[in-house]
């Protein structure tokens, strides 16, 4: 019984550490968000074009 009381917490600690490493491998870090924007800024997306609709009747 005494062996179980020592072994079980050590095994649970190993599982928690392994899950932490697994999470680090799966999820991207903050560096990925910092260097790669998800979408272009609105000003750069339509630069050089006039997208307003002009009416032909006055």
Protein backbone atom coordinates (compact mmCIF):
# COMPACT_ATOMS: atom_id res chain seq x y z
CA UNK A 1 0.00 0.00 0.00
CA UNK A 2 2.81 2.40 0.83
CA UNK A 3 4.29 1.79 -2.60
CA UNK A 4 1.00 2.87 -4.23
CA UNK A 5 0.90 6.13 -2.23
CA UNK A 6 4.30 7.04 -3.61
CA UNK A 7 3.86 5.71 -7.14
CA UNK A 8 0.45 7.16 -8.05
CA UNK A 9 1.33 10.86 -7.48
CA UNK A 10 4.56 10.41 -9.43
CA UNK A 11 2.67 8.83 -12.32
CA UNK A 12 0.09 11.64 -12.28
CA UNK A 13 2.88 14.23 -12.31
CA UNK A 14 4.40 12.50 -15.35
CA UNK A 15 1.04 12.52 -17.12
CA UNK A 16 0.53 16.24 -16.41
CA UNK A 17 4.01 17.09 -17.71
CA UNK A 18 3.45 14.99 -20.83
CA UNK A 19 0.11 16.72 -21.51
CA UNK A 20 1.79 20.11 -21.16
CA UNK A 21 4.40 19.19 -23.75
CA UNK A 22 1.70 17.80 -26.04
CA UNK A 23 -0.27 21.05 -25.78
CA UNK A 24 2.83 23.09 -26.64
CA UNK A 25 3.34 21.03 -29.78
CA UNK A 26 -0.29 21.31 -30.95
CA UNK A 27 -1.09 24.96 -30.27
CA UNK A 28 0.85 27.71 -32.05
CA UNK A 29 2.72 30.09 -29.82
CA UNK A 30 2.32 33.85 -29.56
CA UNK A 31 5.14 34.31 -32.07
CA UNK A 32 2.91 33.02 -34.89
CA UNK A 33 0.32 35.74 -34.27
CA UNK A 34 2.94 38.44 -33.97
CA UNK A 35 4.67 37.84 -37.31
CA UNK A 36 1.83 36.74 -39.62
CA UNK A 37 -1.26 38.94 -39.87
CA UNK A 38 -4.46 37.01 -40.49
CA UNK A 39 -5.86 39.54 -42.98
CA UNK A 40 -4.57 42.60 -44.81
CA UNK A 41 -5.46 45.96 -43.29
CA UNK A 42 -8.53 47.60 -44.91
CA UNK A 43 -6.51 50.51 -46.31
CA UNK A 44 -4.06 48.21 -48.10
CA UNK A 45 -6.75 45.89 -49.44
CA UNK A 46 -8.37 48.46 -51.74
CA UNK A 47 -5.49 50.84 -52.35
CA UNK A 48 -5.55 52.51 -55.76
CA UNK A 49 -9.15 51.69 -56.57
CA UNK A 50 -12.30 53.73 -56.17
CA UNK A 51 -14.94 51.27 -55.05
CA UNK A 52 -17.81 53.74 -54.60
CA UNK A 53 -20.80 53.28 -56.87
CA UNK A 54 -21.56 56.41 -58.88
CA UNK A 55 -25.06 57.13 -60.05
CA UNK A 56 -25.56 57.86 -63.74
CA UNK A 57 -28.83 59.80 -63.20
CA UNK A 58 -28.87 63.15 -61.43
